[in-house]
C-alpha atoms as a PDB file:
ATOM      1  CA  UNK A   1      40.040  34.208  19.334  1.00  0.00           C
ATOM      2  CA  UNK A   2      38.089  33.643  22.530  1.00  0.00           C
ATOM      3  CA  UNK A   3      37.303  29.977  23.177  1.00  0.00           C
ATOM      4  CA  UNK A   4      34.066  30.725  25.055  1.00  0.00           C
ATOM      5  CA  UNK A   5      32.774  33.651  22.971  1.00  0.00           C
ATOM      6  CA  UNK A   6      29.769  31.701  21.656  1.00  0.00           C
ATOM      7  CA  UNK A   7      28.485  30.698  25.091  1.00  0.00           C
ATOM      8  CA  UNK A   8      25.683  32.415  26.973  1.00  0.00           C
ATOM      9  CA  UNK A   9      25.521  34.429  29.095  1.00  0.00           C
ATOM     10  CA  UNK A  10      28.420  36.028  27.250  1.00  0.00           C
ATOM     11  CA  UNK A  11      29.405  38.354  30.081  1.00  0.00           C
ATOM     12  CA  UNK A  12      29.776  35.482  32.553  1.00  0.00           C
ATOM     13  CA  UNK A  13      31.861  33.320  30.240  1.00  0.00           C
ATOM     14  CA  UNK A  14      33.982  36.235  29.105  1.00  0.00           C
ATOM     15  CA  UNK A  15      34.942  36.918  32.716  1.00  0.00           C
ATOM     16  CA  UNK A  16      35.442  33.200  33.331  1.00  0.00           C
ATOM     17  CA  UNK A  17      37.851  32.924  30.417  1.00  0.00           C
ATOM     18  CA  UNK A  18      39.816  35.909  31.708  1.00  0.00           C
ATOM     19  CA  UNK A  19      39.941  34.344  35.186  1.00  0.00           C
ATOM     20  CA  UNK A  20      41.247  31.084  33.700  1.00  0.00           C
ATOM     21  CA  UNK A  21      44.046  32.992  31.985  1.00  0.00           C
ATOM     22  CA  UNK A  22      45.312  34.304  35.347  1.00  0.00           C
ATOM     23  CA  UNK A  23      47.208  31.839  37.575  1.00  0.00           C
ATOM     24  CA  UNK A  24      45.385  31.477  40.914  1.00  0.00           C
ATOM     25  CA  UNK A  25      46.421  28.397  42.900  1.00  0.00           C
ATOM     26  CA  UNK A  26      45.808  28.366  46.644  1.00  0.00           C
ATOM     27  CA  UNK A  27      48.186  30.780  48.337  1.00  0.00           C
ATOM     28  CA  UNK A  28      48.987  32.571  45.063  1.00  0.00           C
ATOM     29  CA  UNK A  29      45.766  34.455  44.400  1.00  0.00           C
ATOM     30  CA  UNK A  30      47.489  37.855  44.326  1.00  0.00           C
ATOM     31  CA  UNK A  31      47.305  38.299  40.535  1.00  0.00           C
ATOM     32  CA  UNK A  32      43.604  37.488  40.418  1.00  0.00           C
ATOM     33  CA  UNK A  33      43.047  39.848  43.351  1.00  0.00           C
ATOM     34  CA  UNK A  34      44.948  42.527  41.367  1.00  0.00           C
ATOM     35  CA  UNK A  35      42.587  41.999  38.440  1.00  0.00           C
ATOM     36  CA  UNK A  36      39.461  42.304  40.592  1.00  0.00           C
ATOM     37  CA  UNK A  37      40.720  45.458  42.307  1.00  0.00           C
ATOM     38  CA  UNK A  38      41.468  46.998  38.887  1.00  0.00           C
ATOM     39  CA  UNK A  39      37.969  45.965  37.762  1.00  0.00           C
ATOM     40  CA  UNK A  40      36.427  47.733  40.761  1.00  0.00           C
ATOM     41  CA  UNK A  41      38.572  50.856  40.342  1.00  0.00           C
ATOM     42  CA  UNK A  42      37.641  51.169  36.661  1.00  0.00           C
ATOM     43  CA  UNK A  43      33.944  51.189  37.607  1.00  0.00           C
ATOM     44  CA  UNK A  44      34.257  53.408  40.658  1.00  0.00           C
ATOM     45  CA  UNK A  45      33.068  50.663  43.003  1.00  0.00           C
ATOM     46  CA  UNK A  46      33.794  50.593  46.720  1.00  0.00           C
ATOM     47  CA  UNK A  47      36.324  47.843  47.359  1.00  0.00           C
ATOM     48  CA  UNK A  48      38.594  46.408  50.032  1.00  0.00           C
ATOM     49  CA  UNK A  49      41.596  44.093  49.909  1.00  0.00           C
ATOM     50  CA  UNK A  50      43.518  42.669  52.844  1.00  0.00           C
ATOM     51  CA  UNK A  51      46.901  41.038  53.375  1.00  0.00           C
ATOM     52  CA  UNK A  52      45.435  37.602  52.643  1.00  0.00           C
ATOM     53  CA  UNK A  53      44.265  38.857  49.210  1.00  0.00           C
ATOM     54  CA  UNK A  54      40.604  38.585  50.175  1.00  0.00           C
ATOM     55  CA  UNK A  55      38.625  41.121  48.137  1.00  0.00           C
ATOM     56  CA  UNK A  56      35.274  42.776  48.897  1.00  0.00           C
ATOM     57  CA  UNK A  57      33.533  44.778  46.169  1.00  0.00           C
ATOM     58  CA  UNK A  58      30.329  46.725  46.876  1.00  0.00           C
ATOM     59  CA  UNK A  59      27.852  48.058  44.321  1.00  0.00           C
ATOM     60  CA  UNK A  60      25.104  50.461  45.459  1.00  0.00           C
ATOM     61  CA  UNK A  61      21.490  49.472  44.961  1.00  0.00           C
ATOM     62  CA  UNK A  62      19.871  50.197  41.612  1.00  0.00           C
ATOM     63  CA  UNK A  63      17.328  53.050  41.564  1.00  0.00           C
ATOM     64  CA  UNK A  64      14.127  51.962  43.270  1.00  0.00           C
ATOM     65  CA  UNK A  65      15.843  49.186  45.245  1.00  0.00           C
ATOM     66  CA  UNK A  66      17.552  51.304  47.889  1.00  0.00           C
ATOM     67  CA  UNK A  67      15.190  50.097  50.614  1.00  0.00           C
ATOM     68  CA  UNK A  68      15.711  46.410  49.853  1.00  0.00           C
ATOM     69  CA  UNK A  69      18.058  44.414  52.119  1.00  0.00           C
ATOM     70  CA  UNK A  70      21.575  43.967  50.749  1.00  0.00           C
ATOM     71  CA  UNK A  71      22.655  40.635  49.298  1.00  0.00           C
ATOM     72  CA  UNK A  72      26.094  39.151  49.942  1.00  0.00           C
ATOM     73  CA  UNK A  73      27.484  37.099  47.053  1.00  0.00           C
ATOM     74  CA  UNK A  74      30.376  34.909  48.117  1.00  0.00           C
ATOM     75  CA  UNK A  75      32.899  32.677  46.352  1.00  0.00           C
ATOM     76  CA  UNK A  76      36.605  31.961  46.525  1.00  0.00           C
ATOM     77  CA  UNK A  77      39.520  32.924  44.326  1.00  0.00           C
ATOM     78  CA  UNK A  78      41.727  29.826  44.514  1.00  0.00           C
ATOM     79  CA  UNK A  79      41.475  26.596  42.532  1.00  0.00           C
ATOM     80  CA  UNK A  80      42.632  23.008  42.921  1.00  0.00           C
ATOM     81  CA  UNK A  81      45.629  22.541  40.612  1.00  0.00           C
ATOM     82  CA  UNK A  82      45.997  19.011  39.243  1.00  0.00           C
ATOM     83  CA  UNK A  83      47.268  17.776  35.900  1.00  0.00           C
ATOM     84  CA  UNK A  84      47.630  14.603  33.912  1.00  0.00           C
ATOM     85  CA  UNK A  85      50.981  12.781  34.007  1.00  0.00           C
ATOM     86  CA  UNK A  86      53.401  14.352  31.553  1.00  0.00           C
ATOM     87  CA  UNK A  87      51.539  17.675  31.318  1.00  0.00           C
ATOM     88  CA  UNK A  88      54.260  19.618  33.205  1.00  0.00           C
ATOM     89  CA  UNK A  89      52.285  22.825  33.622  1.00  0.00           C
ATOM     90  CA  UNK A  90      53.427  25.494  36.089  1.00  0.00           C
ATOM     91  CA  UNK A  91      50.202  26.629  37.764  1.00  0.00           C
ATOM     92  CA  UNK A  92      52.048  29.475  39.485  1.00  0.00           C
ATOM     93  CA  UNK A  93      52.926  31.088  36.150  1.00  0.00           C
ATOM     94  CA  UNK A  94      50.664  29.725  33.421  1.00  0.00           C
ATOM     95  CA  UNK A  95      46.992  30.180  32.647  1.00  0.00           C
ATOM     96  CA  UNK A  96      44.728  27.320  31.606  1.00  0.00           C
ATOM     97  CA  UNK A  97      44.315  25.991  28.074  1.00  0.00           C
ATOM     98  CA  UNK A  98      40.527  25.988  27.634  1.00  0.00           C
ATOM     99  CA  UNK A  99      38.447  24.048  25.170  1.00  0.00           C
ATOM    100  CA  UNK A 100      34.781  23.162  24.673  1.00  0.00           C
ATOM    101  CA  UNK A 101      34.337  19.430  24.192  1.00  0.00           C
ATOM    102  CA  UNK A 102      31.020  17.585  23.750  1.00  0.00           C
ATOM    103  CA  UNK A 103      29.144  20.479  25.272  1.00  0.00           C
ATOM    104  CA  UNK A 104      31.436  20.803  28.292  1.00  0.00           C
ATOM    105  CA  UNK A 105      34.010  23.459  29.123  1.00  0.00           C
ATOM    106  CA  UNK A 106      37.251  21.775  30.111  1.00  0.00           C
ATOM    107  CA  UNK A 107      40.968  22.467  30.290  1.00  0.00           C
ATOM    108  CA  UNK A 108      43.515  20.528  28.291  1.00  0.00           C
ATOM    109  CA  UNK A 109      45.299  18.122  30.631  1.00  0.00           C
ATOM    110  CA  UNK A 110      44.508  20.018  33.846  1.00  0.00           C
ATOM    111  CA  UNK A 111      41.760  20.850  36.269  1.00  0.00           C
ATOM    112  CA  UNK A 112      39.466  23.645  35.105  1.00  0.00           C
ATOM    113  CA  UNK A 113      39.041  25.670  38.264  1.00  0.00           C
ATOM    114  CA  UNK A 114      35.286  25.988  37.795  1.00  0.00           C
ATOM    115  CA  UNK A 115      35.362  25.580  41.573  1.00  0.00           C
ATOM    116  CA  UNK A 116      35.220  28.399  42.147  1.00  0.00           C
ATOM    117  CA  UNK A 117      36.107  30.527  39.139  1.00  0.00           C
ATOM    118  CA  UNK A 118      32.512  30.462  37.965  1.00  0.00           C
ATOM    119  CA  UNK A 119      31.442  32.213  41.180  1.00  0.00           C
ATOM    120  CA  UNK A 120      33.943  35.001  40.539  1.00  0.00           C
ATOM    121  CA  UNK A 121      32.716  35.261  36.945  1.00  0.00           C
ATOM    122  CA  UNK A 122      29.054  35.488  37.981  1.00  0.00           C
ATOM    123  CA  UNK A 123      29.877  38.087  40.617  1.00  0.00           C
ATOM    124  CA  UNK A 124      31.854  40.254  38.198  1.00  0.00           C
ATOM    125  CA  UNK A 125      29.107  39.973  35.582  1.00  0.00           C
ATOM    126  CA  UNK A 126      26.527  41.212  38.108  1.00  0.00           C
ATOM    127  CA  UNK A 127      28.782  44.046  39.221  1.00  0.00           C
ATOM    128  CA  UNK A 128      29.367  45.001  35.588  1.00  0.00           C
ATOM    129  CA  UNK A 129      25.735  44.831  34.424  1.00  0.00           C
ATOM    130  CA  UNK A 130      23.734  48.025  33.988  1.00  0.00           C
ATOM    131  CA  UNK A 131      20.426  46.341  33.101  1.00  0.00           C
ATOM    132  CA  UNK A 132      19.925  44.063  36.134  1.00  0.00           C
ATOM    133  CA  UNK A 133      17.750  45.466  38.947  1.00  0.00           C
ATOM    134  CA  UNK A 134      19.358  44.740  42.304  1.00  0.00           C
ATOM    135  CA  UNK A 135      19.654  45.796  45.919  1.00  0.00           C
ATOM    136  CA  UNK A 136      23.050  46.720  47.361  1.00  0.00           C
ATOM    137  CA  UNK A 137      25.434  43.971  46.263  1.00  0.00           C
ATOM    138  CA  UNK A 138      28.298  42.969  48.513  1.00  0.00           C
ATOM    139  CA  UNK A 139      30.671  40.583  46.752  1.00  0.00           C
ATOM    140  CA  UNK A 140      33.026  38.679  49.069  1.00  0.00           C
ATOM    141  CA  UNK A 141      35.841  36.700  47.445  1.00  0.00           C
ATOM    142  CA  UNK A 142      38.051  34.756  49.836  1.00  0.00           C
ATOM    143  CA  UNK A 143      41.370  32.951  49.419  1.00  0.00           C
ATOM    144  CA  UNK A 144      42.888  29.557  50.241  1.00  0.00           C
ATOM    145  CA  UNK A 145      39.486  27.930  50.532  1.00  0.00           C
ATOM    146  CA  UNK A 146      40.733  24.701  48.999  1.00  0.00           C
ATOM    147  CA  UNK A 147      43.452  24.211  51.620  1.00  0.00           C
ATOM    148  CA  UNK A 148      41.668  25.214  54.811  1.00  0.00           C
ATOM    149  CA  UNK A 149      39.572  28.384  54.360  1.00  0.00           C
ATOM    150  CA  UNK A 150      42.354  30.593  55.704  1.00  0.00           C
ATOM    151  CA  UNK A 151      41.017  33.606  53.827  1.00  0.00           C
ATOM    152  CA  UNK A 152      37.526  33.266  55.282  1.00  0.00           C
ATOM    153  CA  UNK A 153      38.987  32.813  58.756  1.00  0.00           C
ATOM    154  CA  UNK A 154      40.962  36.060  58.550  1.00  0.00           C
ATOM    155  CA  UNK A 155      38.726  38.415  56.577  1.00  0.00           C
ATOM    156  CA  UNK A 156      37.373  41.677  58.039  1.00  0.00           C
ATOM    157  CA  UNK A 157      33.642  41.753  57.315  1.00  0.00           C
ATOM    158  CA  UNK A 158      32.934  45.125  58.906  1.00  0.00           C
ATOM    159  CA  UNK A 159      32.173  46.825  55.515  1.00  0.00           C
ATOM    160  CA  UNK A 160      29.185  44.509  55.016  1.00  0.00           C
ATOM    161  CA  UNK A 161      25.573  45.403  55.819  1.00  0.00           C
ATOM    162  CA  UNK A 162      23.924  42.316  54.399  1.00  0.00           C
ATOM    163  CA  UNK A 163      22.479  39.458  56.428  1.00  0.00           C
ATOM    164  CA  UNK A 164      21.615  37.184  53.494  1.00  0.00           C
ATOM    165  CA  UNK A 165      24.443  35.392  51.761  1.00  0.00           C
ATOM    166  CA  UNK A 166      24.468  33.476  48.483  1.00  0.00           C
ATOM    167  CA  UNK A 167      27.460  31.159  48.382  1.00  0.00           C
ATOM    168  CA  UNK A 168      28.172  30.218  44.754  1.00  0.00           C
ATOM    169  CA  UNK A 169      30.161  27.060  45.410  1.00  0.00           C
ATOM    170  CA  UNK A 170      27.749  24.173  45.079  1.00  0.00           C
ATOM    171  CA  UNK A 171      27.704  21.075  42.892  1.00  0.00           C
ATOM    172  CA  UNK A 172      24.510  21.036  40.825  1.00  0.00           C
ATOM    173  CA  UNK A 173      23.048  23.717  38.607  1.00  0.00           C
ATOM    174  CA  UNK A 174      19.451  24.665  39.380  1.00  0.00           C
ATOM    175  CA  UNK A 175      19.541  23.748  43.079  1.00  0.00           C
ATOM    176  CA  UNK A 176      19.719  26.050  46.089  1.00  0.00           C
ATOM    177  CA  UNK A 177      20.855  24.614  49.416  1.00  0.00           C
ATOM    178  CA  UNK A 178      19.878  26.206  52.718  1.00  0.00           C
ATOM    179  CA  UNK A 179      22.686  24.978  54.911  1.00  0.00           C
ATOM    180  CA  UNK A 180      25.980  25.622  56.616  1.00  0.00           C
ATOM    181  CA  UNK A 181      29.238  23.909  55.693  1.00  0.00           C
ATOM    182  CA  UNK A 182      32.566  23.532  57.412  1.00  0.00           C
ATOM    183  CA  UNK A 183      35.566  21.275  57.590  1.00  0.00           C
ATOM    184  CA  UNK A 184      38.612  20.299  59.581  1.00  0.00           C
ATOM    185  CA  UNK A 185      42.039  18.881  58.867  1.00  0.00           C
ATOM    186  CA  UNK A 186      44.177  16.582  60.967  1.00  0.00           C
ATOM    187  CA  UNK A 187      47.957  16.595  60.584  1.00  0.00           C
ATOM    188  CA  UNK A 188      49.470  13.377  61.962  1.00  0.00           C
ATOM    189  CA  UNK A 189      53.187  13.053  62.654  1.00  0.00           C
ATOM    190  CA  UNK A 190      54.336   9.452  63.133  1.00  0.00           C
ATOM    191  CA  UNK A 191      57.718   8.654  64.697  1.00  0.00           C
ATOM    192  CA  UNK A 192      60.050   6.980  62.185  1.00  0.00           C
ATOM    193  CA  UNK A 193      63.261   5.130  63.001  1.00  0.00           C
ATOM    194  CA  UNK A 194      65.777   4.983  60.154  1.00  0.00           C
ATOM    195  CA  UNK A 195      68.132   2.033  59.791  1.00  0.00           C
ATOM    196  CA  UNK A 196      70.453   0.626  57.138  1.00  0.00           C
ATOM    197  CA  UNK A 197      69.168  -2.226  54.975  1.00  0.00           C
ATOM    198  CA  UNK A 198      70.321  -4.285  52.012  1.00  0.00           C
ATOM    199  CA  UNK A 199      68.387  -5.844  49.145  1.00  0.00           C
ATOM    200  CA  UNK A 200      66.842  -5.061  45.782  1.00  0.00           C
ATOM    201  CA  UNK A 201      65.520  -1.473  45.698  1.00  0.00           C
ATOM    202  CA  UNK A 202      62.141  -1.370  43.954  1.00  0.00           C
ATOM    203  CA  UNK A 203      59.439   1.216  43.314  1.00  0.00           C
ATOM    204  CA  UNK A 204      55.803   0.202  43.718  1.00  0.00           C
ATOM    205  CA  UNK A 205      53.322   2.242  41.708  1.00  0.00           C
ATOM    206  CA  UNK A 206      49.543   1.985  41.880  1.00  0.00           C
ATOM    207  CA  UNK A 207      47.755   4.136  39.314  1.00  0.00           C
ATOM    208  CA  UNK A 208      44.854   4.178  36.881  1.00  0.00           C
ATOM    209  CA  UNK A 209      42.087   4.617  39.436  1.00  0.00           C
ATOM    210  CA  UNK A 210      39.056   6.793  38.753  1.00  0.00           C
ATOM    211  CA  UNK A 211      39.707   9.330  41.500  1.00  0.00           C
ATOM    212  CA  UNK A 212      37.209  12.053  42.332  1.00  0.00           C
ATOM    213  CA  UNK A 213      36.256  14.781  44.782  1.00  0.00           C
ATOM    214  CA  UNK A 214      35.589  13.866  48.389  1.00  0.00           C
ATOM    215  CA  UNK A 215      32.610  16.205  48.462  1.00  0.00           C
ATOM    216  CA  UNK A 216      30.682  14.524  45.649  1.00  0.00           C
ATOM    217  CA  UNK A 217      32.157  11.068  45.029  1.00  0.00           C
ATOM    218  CA  UNK A 218      32.799   9.939  48.613  1.00  0.00           C
ATOM    219  CA  UNK A 219      29.694   7.713  48.526  1.00  0.00           C
ATOM    220  CA  UNK A 220      30.414   5.950  45.228  1.00  0.00           C
ATOM    221  CA  UNK A 221      32.687   3.224  46.552  1.00  0.00           C
ATOM    222  CA  UNK A 222      35.669   4.234  44.450  1.00  0.00           C
ATOM    223  CA  UNK A 223      39.027   2.814  45.429  1.00  0.00           C
ATOM    224  CA  UNK A 224      41.533   5.152  47.022  1.00  0.00           C
ATOM    225  CA  UNK A 225      45.105   4.513  45.886  1.00  0.00           C
ATOM    226  CA  UNK A 226      46.509   5.347  49.321  1.00  0.00           C
ATOM    227  CA  UNK A 227      44.288   2.801  51.063  1.00  0.00           C
ATOM    228  CA  UNK A 228      44.757   0.197  48.339  1.00  0.00           C
ATOM    229  CA  UNK A 229      48.555   0.354  48.345  1.00  0.00           C
ATOM    230  CA  UNK A 230      48.563   0.218  52.151  1.00  0.00           C
ATOM    231  CA  UNK A 231      46.666  -3.082  51.803  1.00  0.00           C
ATOM    232  CA  UNK A 232      49.221  -4.277  49.262  1.00  0.00           C
ATOM    233  CA  UNK A 233      52.098  -3.460  51.628  1.00  0.00           C
ATOM    234  CA  UNK A 234      50.314  -5.134  54.537  1.00  0.00           C
ATOM    235  CA  UNK A 235      49.853  -8.302  52.476  1.00  0.00           C
ATOM    236  CA  UNK A 236      53.472  -8.088  51.341  1.00  0.00           C
ATOM    237  CA  UNK A 237      54.579  -7.922  54.969  1.00  0.00           C
ATOM    238  CA  UNK A 238      52.678 -11.098  55.791  1.00  0.00           C
ATOM    239  CA  UNK A 239      54.580 -13.037  53.136  1.00  0.00           C
ATOM    240  CA  UNK A 240      58.107 -11.683  53.383  1.00  0.00           C
ATOM    241  CA  UNK A 241      60.262  -9.212  55.237  1.00  0.00           C
ATOM    242  CA  UNK A 242      60.955  -5.879  53.573  1.00  0.00           C
ATOM    243  CA  UNK A 243      62.102  -2.378  54.453  1.00  0.00           C
ATOM    244  CA  UNK A 244      60.173   0.729  53.484  1.00  0.00           C
ATOM    245  CA  UNK A 245      62.395   3.516  52.227  1.00  0.00           C
ATOM    246  CA  UNK A 246      59.763   6.175  51.524  1.00  0.00           C
ATOM    247  CA  UNK A 247      56.097   6.603  50.718  1.00  0.00           C
ATOM    248  CA  UNK A 248      54.110   9.238  48.871  1.00  0.00           C
ATOM    249  CA  UNK A 249      50.572   9.588  47.589  1.00  0.00           C
ATOM    250  CA  UNK A 250      47.714  12.027  47.291  1.00  0.00           C
ATOM    251  CA  UNK A 251      48.412  15.686  46.600  1.00  0.00           C
ATOM    252  CA  UNK A 252      45.109  17.260  47.625  1.00  0.00           C
ATOM    253  CA  UNK A 253      43.102  16.655  50.777  1.00  0.00           C
ATOM    254  CA  UNK A 254      39.739  16.959  49.024  1.00  0.00           C
ATOM    255  CA  UNK A 255      40.429  14.410  46.292  1.00  0.00           C
ATOM    256  CA  UNK A 256      40.401  10.617  46.182  1.00  0.00           C
ATOM    257  CA  UNK A 257      43.937   9.691  45.282  1.00  0.00           C
ATOM    258  CA  UNK A 258      44.173   8.219  41.781  1.00  0.00           C
ATOM    259  CA  UNK A 259      47.837   7.361  42.042  1.00  0.00           C
ATOM    260  CA  UNK A 260      50.193   6.176  44.757  1.00  0.00           C
ATOM    261  CA  UNK A 261      53.669   5.924  43.449  1.00  0.00           C
ATOM    262  CA  UNK A 262      57.337   5.169  43.836  1.00  0.00           C
ATOM    263  CA  UNK A 263      60.109   7.082  42.073  1.00  0.00           C
ATOM    264  CA  UNK A 264      62.482   7.068  45.006  1.00  0.00           C
ATOM    265  CA  UNK A 265      59.493   6.386  47.229  1.00  0.00           C
ATOM    266  CA  UNK A 266      60.477   2.769  47.424  1.00  0.00           C
ATOM    267  CA  UNK A 267      60.881  -0.528  49.241  1.00  0.00           C
ATOM    268  CA  UNK A 268      63.826  -2.858  49.717  1.00  0.00           C
ATOM    269  CA  UNK A 269      62.889  -6.443  48.882  1.00  0.00           C
ATOM    270  CA  UNK A 270      64.865  -9.669  49.302  1.00  0.00           C
ATOM    271  CA  UNK A 271      66.202 -10.995  46.015  1.00  0.00           C
ATOM    272  CA  UNK A 272      63.605 -12.594  43.689  1.00  0.00           C
ATOM    273  CA  UNK A 273      60.564 -12.382  46.008  1.00  0.00           C
ATOM    274  CA  UNK A 274      57.419 -14.326  45.180  1.00  0.00           C
ATOM    275  CA  UNK A 275      54.263 -12.778  46.577  1.00  0.00           C
ATOM    276  CA  UNK A 276      50.843 -14.372  46.303  1.00  0.00           C
ATOM    277  CA  UNK A 277      47.536 -12.646  46.781  1.00  0.00           C
ATOM    278  CA  UNK A 278      45.246 -14.247  49.354  1.00  0.00           C
ATOM    279  CA  UNK A 279      41.571 -14.201  48.284  1.00  0.00           C
ATOM    280  CA  UNK A 280      39.963 -11.029  49.622  1.00  0.00           C
ATOM    281  CA  UNK A 281      43.265  -9.712  50.952  1.00  0.00           C
ATOM    282  CA  UNK A 282      43.484  -6.717  48.599  1.00  0.00           C
ATOM    283  CA  UNK A 283      40.525  -4.866  47.015  1.00  0.00           C
ATOM    284  CA  UNK A 284      40.024  -5.353  43.268  1.00  0.00           C
ATOM    285  CA  UNK A 285      42.084  -2.472  41.904  1.00  0.00           C
ATOM    286  CA  UNK A 286      44.716  -2.347  39.143  1.00  0.00           C
ATOM    287  CA  UNK A 287      47.792  -4.350  40.143  1.00  0.00           C
ATOM    288  CA  UNK A 288      50.651  -2.153  41.354  1.00  0.00           C
ATOM    289  CA  UNK A 289      53.696  -2.154  39.145  1.00  0.00           C
ATOM    290  CA  UNK A 290      57.037  -3.142  40.642  1.00  0.00           C
ATOM    291  CA  UNK A 291      60.236  -2.031  38.980  1.00  0.00           C
ATOM    292  CA  UNK A 292      63.841  -2.269  40.148  1.00  0.00           C
ATOM    293  CA  UNK A 293      65.646   1.004  40.747  1.00  0.00           C
END
């Protein structure tokens, strides 16, 4: 039985549930693009798909609206794929496990992909509707938005006639923003010199932070596990000598890291170290755990 069948508008949430059942992480949007192309073919709609799996679907204007300027409706096909520790879901092969909880649609143990699956659902519902008056609709669905907007950078927009674009990828329902957005990414490569070292091999893990999205929670003063553990290591270095074997933290560029961890990302400590925290030296976050390996 459909999990979202009782929600309105039914058409939107029906498409959203189907979208959630199709794996669509960044760089692997091909199956969702297949579905949208099949949708367009079944309805005889003009459509285009490129090698990046961007999809454009065009619906002619409804009778009486032929003279109205076209509207471009834009969203993206990929989603941020994160999961709770121990969930072990393969986002490349598995769909999401949806549930409605306390009035909210969520996914069991994983991100939901409402960013930007809801845009795709709204667009498909409009393309599918026969009772909604509309000008020419030009739906543009791009790929790899969450990792650098590669789809938008490479798409051929020559089939479009519209000059007004509605981007359905905002944060708050009921608000329309008149703006332009962009972003950049910096990849830093630091020279590392490897050397042999002896001592107790330990893993430092800092977890349990709130986390969040850099677009909406960046101003809330939440601790970032990457920054916090860097402070811990800096304080550790002021009190004793240690060697850093490896370091890992943060899986997505648009998220505050909730967890910075060890495993074999680890440090070599002298035997039985005693480390004291200087007042104000490390921000008030959960204490990192240290375990011998």
